[in-house]
Amino acid sequence: MPHIQLPEGLPGISGGLAFRPEMAKPMRELAHVLLYNPNTLSSADRELIATYVSSQNDCYFCQTSHGAAAASHLGGDEALVTAVTRDFLHAGISDKLKALLVIAGKVQQGGKNVTTADVEGARKLGATDVEIHDTVLIAAAFCMFNRYVDGLATWQPRDAEMYADMGKHLAQHGYMISSAEMSAEILRRSAEK
């Protein structure tokens, strides 16, 4: 049960954003730019970074919804998403992404944990300064998003199909649609099945 009275039927961050709609626009814009807009890092890679950080923060809603978005970008490869959250160093991803996940993991623990050696290691594997910047910002933003979702004790259903639909929607359309509209669309699709 949420710690405050949030709109019913809206999972995770959707409930908080519907409660304070003036916060929704800048938060959705940030997520859209970080995860969806064109970038030299694929949307799949950026969603994997968000998923990994969310898994380290033990935020069920964020790790599951962004994991589903990553899987959708990866042609349904849920096993790869799981491998990244369990042991990314042995997952079937690029060495560059592994180096960026090292940085993301250190940001999740505390920004000052990132070392010059971590950054240089990522650069040697082909990471650009923009990719390093965006990795740090994705990790920092998802620490905020995770704490927002969990700090309010939002409703986090365990319906795997709902998350799969949400992931497909995010992968196809990004983050600019309102949380309430997205939730309504996902719930409508689930009801049609």
Protein backbone atom coordinates (compact mmCIF):
# COMPACT_ATOMS: atom_id res chain seq x y z
CA MET A 1 0.00 0.00 0.00
CA PRO A 2 1.46 3.39 -0.98
CA HIS A 3 2.60 5.67 1.81
CA ILE A 4 0.38 8.48 0.46
CA GLN A 5 -2.90 8.44 -1.46
CA LEU A 6 -1.82 7.93 -5.08
CA PRO A 7 -4.23 7.49 -8.00
CA GLU A 8 -5.34 3.87 -8.06
CA GLY A 9 -4.49 1.49 -10.87
CA LEU A 10 -1.30 3.26 -11.96
CA PRO A 11 1.79 1.15 -11.38
CA GLY A 12 5.20 2.37 -10.23
CA ILE A 13 6.30 5.81 -11.28
CA SER A 14 2.99 6.37 -13.09
CA GLY A 15 1.15 6.80 -9.79
CA GLY A 16 3.60 9.37 -8.45
CA LEU A 17 3.64 11.34 -11.69
CA ALA A 18 -0.16 11.36 -11.86
CA PHE A 19 -0.22 12.65 -8.25
CA ARG A 20 2.11 15.55 -9.19
CA PRO A 21 1.56 16.11 -12.93
CA GLU A 22 3.72 19.22 -12.96
CA MET A 23 6.68 16.93 -12.18
CA ALA A 24 5.74 14.47 -14.91
CA LYS A 25 6.73 16.58 -17.92
CA PRO A 26 10.37 17.23 -16.98
CA MET A 27 10.86 13.70 -15.66
CA ARG A 28 9.40 12.16 -18.84
CA GLU A 29 11.53 14.48 -20.97
CA LEU A 30 14.67 13.45 -19.10
CA ALA A 31 13.90 9.75 -19.54
CA HIS A 32 13.05 10.29 -23.23
CA VAL A 33 16.33 12.09 -23.97
CA LEU A 34 18.41 9.61 -21.96
CA LEU A 35 16.84 6.40 -23.22
CA TYR A 36 15.04 7.02 -26.49
CA ASN A 37 16.43 9.96 -28.48
CA PRO A 38 19.10 9.18 -31.10
CA ASN A 39 22.49 8.51 -29.53
CA THR A 40 25.68 6.64 -30.37
CA LEU A 41 24.69 4.18 -27.64
CA SER A 42 21.72 2.13 -28.78
CA SER A 43 18.44 2.40 -26.92
CA ALA A 44 18.95 -1.24 -25.95
CA ASP A 45 22.30 -0.42 -24.33
CA ARG A 46 20.86 2.58 -22.51
CA GLU A 47 17.89 0.55 -21.29
CA LEU A 48 20.31 -2.14 -20.09
CA ILE A 49 22.18 0.50 -18.07
CA ALA A 50 18.88 1.67 -16.53
CA THR A 51 17.87 -1.93 -15.83
CA TYR A 52 21.19 -2.80 -14.24
CA VAL A 53 21.16 0.24 -11.93
CA SER A 54 17.53 -0.45 -11.01
CA SER A 55 18.38 -4.07 -10.21
CA GLN A 56 21.24 -2.95 -7.98
CA ASN A 57 18.80 -0.62 -6.21
CA ASP A 58 16.29 -3.51 -5.94
CA CYS A 59 13.52 -1.46 -7.57
CA TYR A 60 11.19 -4.12 -8.97
CA PHE A 61 9.08 -1.79 -11.11
CA CYS A 62 11.99 -0.01 -12.80
CA GLN A 63 14.16 -3.07 -13.36
CA THR A 64 11.22 -5.01 -14.77
CA SER A 65 9.76 -2.27 -16.99
CA HIS A 66 13.13 -1.13 -18.35
CA GLY A 67 14.30 -4.71 -18.67
CA ALA A 68 11.22 -5.34 -20.80
CA ALA A 69 12.04 -2.25 -22.91
CA ALA A 70 15.63 -3.50 -23.35
CA ALA A 71 14.36 -6.95 -24.33
CA SER A 72 11.98 -5.38 -26.84
CA HIS A 73 14.87 -3.44 -28.41
CA LEU A 74 16.84 -6.71 -28.47
CA GLY A 75 14.19 -8.63 -30.37
CA GLY A 76 12.74 -10.25 -27.24
CA ASP A 77 16.06 -11.43 -25.75
CA GLU A 78 14.99 -11.58 -22.10
CA ALA A 79 17.84 -13.99 -21.29
CA LEU A 80 20.42 -11.34 -22.17
CA VAL A 81 18.68 -8.81 -19.94
CA THR A 82 18.72 -11.31 -17.07
CA ALA A 83 22.39 -12.11 -17.72
CA VAL A 84 23.27 -8.41 -17.53
CA THR A 85 21.53 -7.97 -14.18
CA ARG A 86 23.08 -11.11 -12.72
CA ASP A 87 26.67 -10.87 -13.99
CA PHE A 88 27.22 -8.36 -16.78
CA LEU A 89 30.94 -9.13 -17.00
CA HIS A 90 30.05 -12.57 -18.38
CA ALA A 91 26.99 -11.52 -20.39
CA GLY A 92 26.98 -11.51 -24.19
CA ILE A 93 27.42 -7.75 -24.53
CA SER A 94 30.24 -5.62 -25.91
CA ASP A 95 33.33 -4.90 -23.84
CA LYS A 96 32.52 -1.21 -24.19
CA LEU A 97 29.11 -1.72 -22.60
CA LYS A 98 30.69 -3.79 -19.83
CA ALA A 99 33.07 -0.89 -19.09
CA LEU A 100 30.15 1.55 -19.06
CA LEU A 101 28.24 -0.75 -16.69
CA VAL A 102 31.24 -0.70 -14.35
CA ILE A 103 30.90 3.09 -14.28
CA ALA A 104 27.11 2.91 -13.85
CA GLY A 105 27.50 0.48 -10.95
CA LYS A 106 29.94 2.79 -9.23
CA VAL A 107 27.62 5.77 -9.70
CA GLN A 108 24.83 3.68 -8.15
CA GLN A 109 27.01 3.17 -5.08
CA GLY A 110 28.14 6.81 -4.97
CA GLY A 111 29.37 9.17 -7.66
CA LYS A 112 32.79 9.61 -6.09
CA ASN A 113 33.44 5.89 -6.57
CA VAL A 114 34.03 6.44 -10.31
CA THR A 115 37.77 6.60 -10.96
CA THR A 116 39.91 8.02 -13.72
CA ALA A 117 40.95 4.44 -14.45
CA ASP A 118 37.28 3.45 -14.96
CA VAL A 119 36.80 6.28 -17.45
CA GLU A 120 40.09 5.58 -19.25
CA GLY A 121 39.19 1.90 -19.43
CA ALA A 122 35.88 2.75 -21.11
CA ARG A 123 37.62 5.14 -23.52
CA LYS A 124 40.15 2.46 -24.51
CA LEU A 125 37.21 0.23 -25.44
CA GLY A 126 35.69 2.92 -27.66
CA ALA A 127 33.42 4.89 -25.33
CA THR A 128 33.12 8.55 -26.21
CA ASP A 129 32.90 11.35 -23.69
CA VAL A 130 29.20 11.75 -24.54
CA GLU A 131 28.61 8.03 -23.88
CA ILE A 132 30.47 8.24 -20.57
CA HIS A 133 28.49 11.37 -19.64
CA ASP A 134 25.19 9.76 -20.56
CA THR A 135 26.02 6.57 -18.66
CA VAL A 136 26.70 8.59 -15.51
CA LEU A 137 23.50 10.58 -15.97
CA ILE A 138 21.38 7.46 -16.67
CA ALA A 139 22.76 5.84 -13.52
CA ALA A 140 22.20 8.96 -11.42
CA ALA A 141 18.70 9.53 -12.84
CA PHE A 142 17.69 5.93 -12.19
CA CYS A 143 18.86 6.15 -8.61
CA MET A 144 16.42 9.06 -8.31
CA PHE A 145 13.62 7.28 -10.22
CA ASN A 146 14.13 4.08 -8.17
CA ARG A 147 14.01 5.94 -4.88
CA TYR A 148 10.94 7.88 -6.01
CA VAL A 149 9.08 4.66 -6.90
CA ASP A 150 10.14 2.76 -3.78
CA GLY A 151 10.13 5.71 -1.38
CA LEU A 152 6.40 6.18 -1.99
CA ALA A 153 5.80 2.41 -1.84
CA THR A 154 4.03 2.61 -5.19
CA TRP A 155 1.93 -0.26 -6.50
CA GLN A 156 4.25 -2.65 -8.35
CA PRO A 157 2.21 -5.46 -9.85
CA ARG A 158 3.82 -8.80 -10.69
CA ASP A 159 2.04 -9.28 -14.05
CA ALA A 160 4.79 -10.28 -16.50
CA GLU A 161 2.58 -9.64 -19.54
CA MET A 162 1.84 -6.09 -18.37
CA TYR A 163 5.58 -5.37 -18.15
CA ALA A 164 6.21 -6.95 -21.55
CA ASP A 165 3.52 -4.71 -23.06
CA MET A 166 4.96 -1.70 -21.25
CA GLY A 167 8.44 -2.53 -22.56
CA LYS A 168 7.16 -2.80 -26.14
CA HIS A 169 5.35 0.50 -25.80
CA LEU A 170 8.43 2.27 -24.39
CA ALA A 171 10.68 0.79 -27.07
CA GLN A 172 8.32 1.91 -29.83
CA HIS A 173 7.14 5.29 -28.55
CA GLY A 174 9.53 6.48 -25.87
CA TYR A 175 8.64 8.34 -22.71
CA MET A 176 6.71 11.45 -23.73
CA ILE A 177 3.23 9.96 -23.40
CA SER A 178 1.72 10.63 -19.99
CA SER A 179 2.02 7.87 -17.44
CA ALA A 180 -1.76 7.68 -17.09
CA GLU A 181 -2.22 7.38 -20.87
CA MET A 182 0.46 4.71 -21.13
CA SER A 183 -0.96 2.75 -18.20
CA ALA A 184 -4.47 2.95 -19.65
CA GLU A 185 -3.19 1.73 -23.04
CA ILE A 186 -1.27 -1.16 -21.47
CA LEU A 187 -4.20 -2.19 -19.30
CA ARG A 188 -6.48 -1.99 -22.37
CA ARG A 189 -4.11 -4.23 -24.36
CA SER A 190 -3.91 -6.71 -21.49
CA ALA A 191 -7.70 -6.88 -21.28
CA GLU A 192 -7.92 -7.62 -25.03
CA LYS A 193 -5.68 -10.71 -24.69
